[in-house]
Amino acid sequence: MDKYNLKELEEKLNRCKNMKLEDVSLDDVDEISSIKIDRRKSSNERILDFIMKVKNPYIFKVNGKLVRISFSDTDESYDDYLTNVLNNLYK
């Protein structure tokens, strides 16, 4: 995991997490189906790859529609939720 700049990824997450859907244009985000993640990597590496590859890990396009993911205030972490999302998308 040395190839990941964790500080940079954390800054990206902090910058993107409070963006509002209405402030984002379709051109500013990635189509989720075009993002390729290596399934052979560990779940942590897949999460880091996803965060690195996308313009905004919280807002993306699904079939041309903007989608924003958010998380409830629970004991589950962002990693837990994102792992579940990626596992479901990239089975």
C-alpha atoms as a PDB file:
ATOM      1  CA  MET A   1       0.000   0.000   0.000  1.00  0.00           C
ATOM      2  CA  ASP A   2       3.059   2.191  -0.249  1.00  0.00           C
ATOM      3  CA  LYS A   3       1.940   3.454  -3.649  1.00  0.00           C
ATOM      4  CA  TYR A   4      -0.961   5.381  -2.112  1.00  0.00           C
ATOM      5  CA  ASN A   5      -0.535   8.876  -0.775  1.00  0.00           C
ATOM      6  CA  LEU A   6      -2.951   8.494   2.130  1.00  0.00           C
ATOM      7  CA  LYS A   7      -2.722  12.122   3.167  1.00  0.00           C
ATOM      8  CA  GLU A   8      -3.652  13.237  -0.340  1.00  0.00           C
ATOM      9  CA  LEU A   9      -6.565  10.767  -0.465  1.00  0.00           C
ATOM     10  CA  GLU A  10      -7.795  11.945   2.916  1.00  0.00           C
ATOM     11  CA  GLU A  11      -7.684  15.563   1.725  1.00  0.00           C
ATOM     12  CA  LYS A  12      -9.651  14.570  -1.379  1.00  0.00           C
ATOM     13  CA  LEU A  13     -12.303  12.864   0.763  1.00  0.00           C
ATOM     14  CA  ASN A  14     -12.592  15.893   3.033  1.00  0.00           C
ATOM     15  CA  ARG A  15     -12.846  18.259   0.063  1.00  0.00           C
ATOM     16  CA  CYS A  16     -15.494  16.166  -1.714  1.00  0.00           C
ATOM     17  CA  LYS A  17     -17.711  14.975   1.123  1.00  0.00           C
ATOM     18  CA  ASN A  18     -19.555  18.255   1.637  1.00  0.00           C
ATOM     19  CA  MET A  19     -20.143  19.057  -2.028  1.00  0.00           C
ATOM     20  CA  LYS A  20     -23.801  19.458  -2.862  1.00  0.00           C
ATOM     21  CA  LEU A  21     -25.320  17.578  -5.758  1.00  0.00           C
ATOM     22  CA  GLU A  22     -26.796  20.779  -7.206  1.00  0.00           C
ATOM     23  CA  ASP A  23     -23.302  22.338  -7.352  1.00  0.00           C
ATOM     24  CA  VAL A  24     -21.900  19.542  -9.545  1.00  0.00           C
ATOM     25  CA  SER A  25     -22.292  19.205 -13.305  1.00  0.00           C
ATOM     26  CA  LEU A  26     -22.402  15.897 -15.161  1.00  0.00           C
ATOM     27  CA  ASP A  27     -19.000  16.686 -16.686  1.00  0.00           C
ATOM     28  CA  ASP A  28     -17.420  17.009 -13.219  1.00  0.00           C
ATOM     29  CA  VAL A  29     -18.007  13.375 -12.216  1.00  0.00           C
ATOM     30  CA  ASP A  30     -17.265   9.883 -13.477  1.00  0.00           C
ATOM     31  CA  GLU A  31     -19.689   7.324 -14.896  1.00  0.00           C
ATOM     32  CA  ILE A  32     -19.536   4.524 -12.329  1.00  0.00           C
ATOM     33  CA  SER A  33     -19.641   1.787 -14.987  1.00  0.00           C
ATOM     34  CA  SER A  34     -16.446   3.123 -16.603  1.00  0.00           C
ATOM     35  CA  ILE A  35     -14.371   2.796 -13.437  1.00  0.00           C
ATOM     36  CA  LYS A  36     -12.237  -0.340 -13.506  1.00  0.00           C
ATOM     37  CA  ILE A  37     -11.127  -1.822 -10.190  1.00  0.00           C
ATOM     38  CA  ASP A  38      -8.885  -4.900  -9.910  1.00  0.00           C
ATOM     39  CA  ARG A  39     -10.904  -7.550  -8.068  1.00  0.00           C
ATOM     40  CA  ARG A  40      -7.772  -9.445  -7.077  1.00  0.00           C
ATOM     41  CA  LYS A  41      -6.705  -6.685  -4.712  1.00  0.00           C
ATOM     42  CA  SER A  42      -7.677  -6.581  -1.061  1.00  0.00           C
ATOM     43  CA  SER A  43     -10.821  -4.647  -0.166  1.00  0.00           C
ATOM     44  CA  ASN A  44      -8.710  -1.841   1.312  1.00  0.00           C
ATOM     45  CA  GLU A  45      -6.696  -1.534  -1.885  1.00  0.00           C
ATOM     46  CA  ARG A  46      -9.866  -1.553  -3.990  1.00  0.00           C
ATOM     47  CA  ILE A  47     -11.245   1.293  -1.879  1.00  0.00           C
ATOM     48  CA  LEU A  48      -8.026   3.279  -2.215  1.00  0.00           C
ATOM     49  CA  ASP A  49      -7.948   2.639  -5.983  1.00  0.00           C
ATOM     50  CA  PHE A  50     -11.553   3.798  -6.287  1.00  0.00           C
ATOM     51  CA  ILE A  51     -10.867   7.007  -4.337  1.00  0.00           C
ATOM     52  CA  MET A  52      -7.762   7.644  -6.419  1.00  0.00           C
ATOM     53  CA  LYS A  53      -9.430   7.042  -9.784  1.00  0.00           C
ATOM     54  CA  VAL A  54     -12.667   8.976  -9.408  1.00  0.00           C
ATOM     55  CA  LYS A  55     -13.019  12.722  -9.499  1.00  0.00           C
ATOM     56  CA  ASN A  56     -15.370  12.647  -6.508  1.00  0.00           C
ATOM     57  CA  PRO A  57     -15.856   9.456  -4.454  1.00  0.00           C
ATOM     58  CA  TYR A  58     -19.200  10.728  -3.113  1.00  0.00           C
ATOM     59  CA  ILE A  59     -20.833  11.856  -6.362  1.00  0.00           C
ATOM     60  CA  PHE A  60     -20.827   9.975  -9.636  1.00  0.00           C
ATOM     61  CA  LYS A  61     -23.036   9.177 -12.610  1.00  0.00           C
ATOM     62  CA  VAL A  62     -25.156   6.060 -12.960  1.00  0.00           C
ATOM     63  CA  ASN A  63     -26.595   5.767 -16.463  1.00  0.00           C
ATOM     64  CA  GLY A  64     -26.069   9.508 -16.963  1.00  0.00           C
ATOM     65  CA  LYS A  65     -27.818  10.527 -13.712  1.00  0.00           C
ATOM     66  CA  LEU A  66     -26.024  12.172 -10.808  1.00  0.00           C
ATOM     67  CA  VAL A  67     -25.927  10.090  -7.642  1.00  0.00           C
ATOM     68  CA  ARG A  68     -24.597  11.177  -4.271  1.00  0.00           C
ATOM     69  CA  ILE A  69     -23.776   8.659  -1.594  1.00  0.00           C
ATOM     70  CA  SER A  70     -23.945   9.556   2.058  1.00  0.00           C
ATOM     71  CA  PHE A  71     -23.776   7.608   5.270  1.00  0.00           C
ATOM     72  CA  SER A  72     -25.837   7.561   8.411  1.00  0.00           C
ATOM     73  CA  ASP A  73     -24.273   8.379  11.722  1.00  0.00           C
ATOM     74  CA  THR A  74     -23.663   4.787  12.827  1.00  0.00           C
ATOM     75  CA  ASP A  75     -20.848   2.648  14.110  1.00  0.00           C
ATOM     76  CA  GLU A  76     -20.068   1.501  10.578  1.00  0.00           C
ATOM     77  CA  SER A  77     -17.260   3.384   8.898  1.00  0.00           C
ATOM     78  CA  TYR A  78     -16.960   4.896   5.441  1.00  0.00           C
ATOM     79  CA  ASP A  79     -14.681   1.973   4.610  1.00  0.00           C
ATOM     80  CA  ASP A  80     -17.411  -0.500   5.581  1.00  0.00           C
ATOM     81  CA  TYR A  81     -19.998   1.180   3.403  1.00  0.00           C
ATOM     82  CA  LEU A  82     -17.709   1.760   0.458  1.00  0.00           C
ATOM     83  CA  THR A  83     -16.481  -1.839   0.632  1.00  0.00           C
ATOM     84  CA  ASN A  84     -20.094  -3.009   0.412  1.00  0.00           C
ATOM     85  CA  VAL A  85     -20.822  -0.703  -2.520  1.00  0.00           C
ATOM     86  CA  LEU A  86     -17.710  -1.796  -4.419  1.00  0.00           C
ATOM     87  CA  ASN A  87     -18.326  -5.462  -3.671  1.00  0.00           C
ATOM     88  CA  ASN A  88     -21.846  -5.178  -5.051  1.00  0.00           C
ATOM     89  CA  LEU A  89     -20.756  -3.257  -8.149  1.00  0.00           C
ATOM     90  CA  TYR A  90     -17.689  -5.326  -8.980  1.00  0.00           C
ATOM     91  CA  LYS A  91     -18.726  -8.917  -8.199  1.00  0.00           C
END
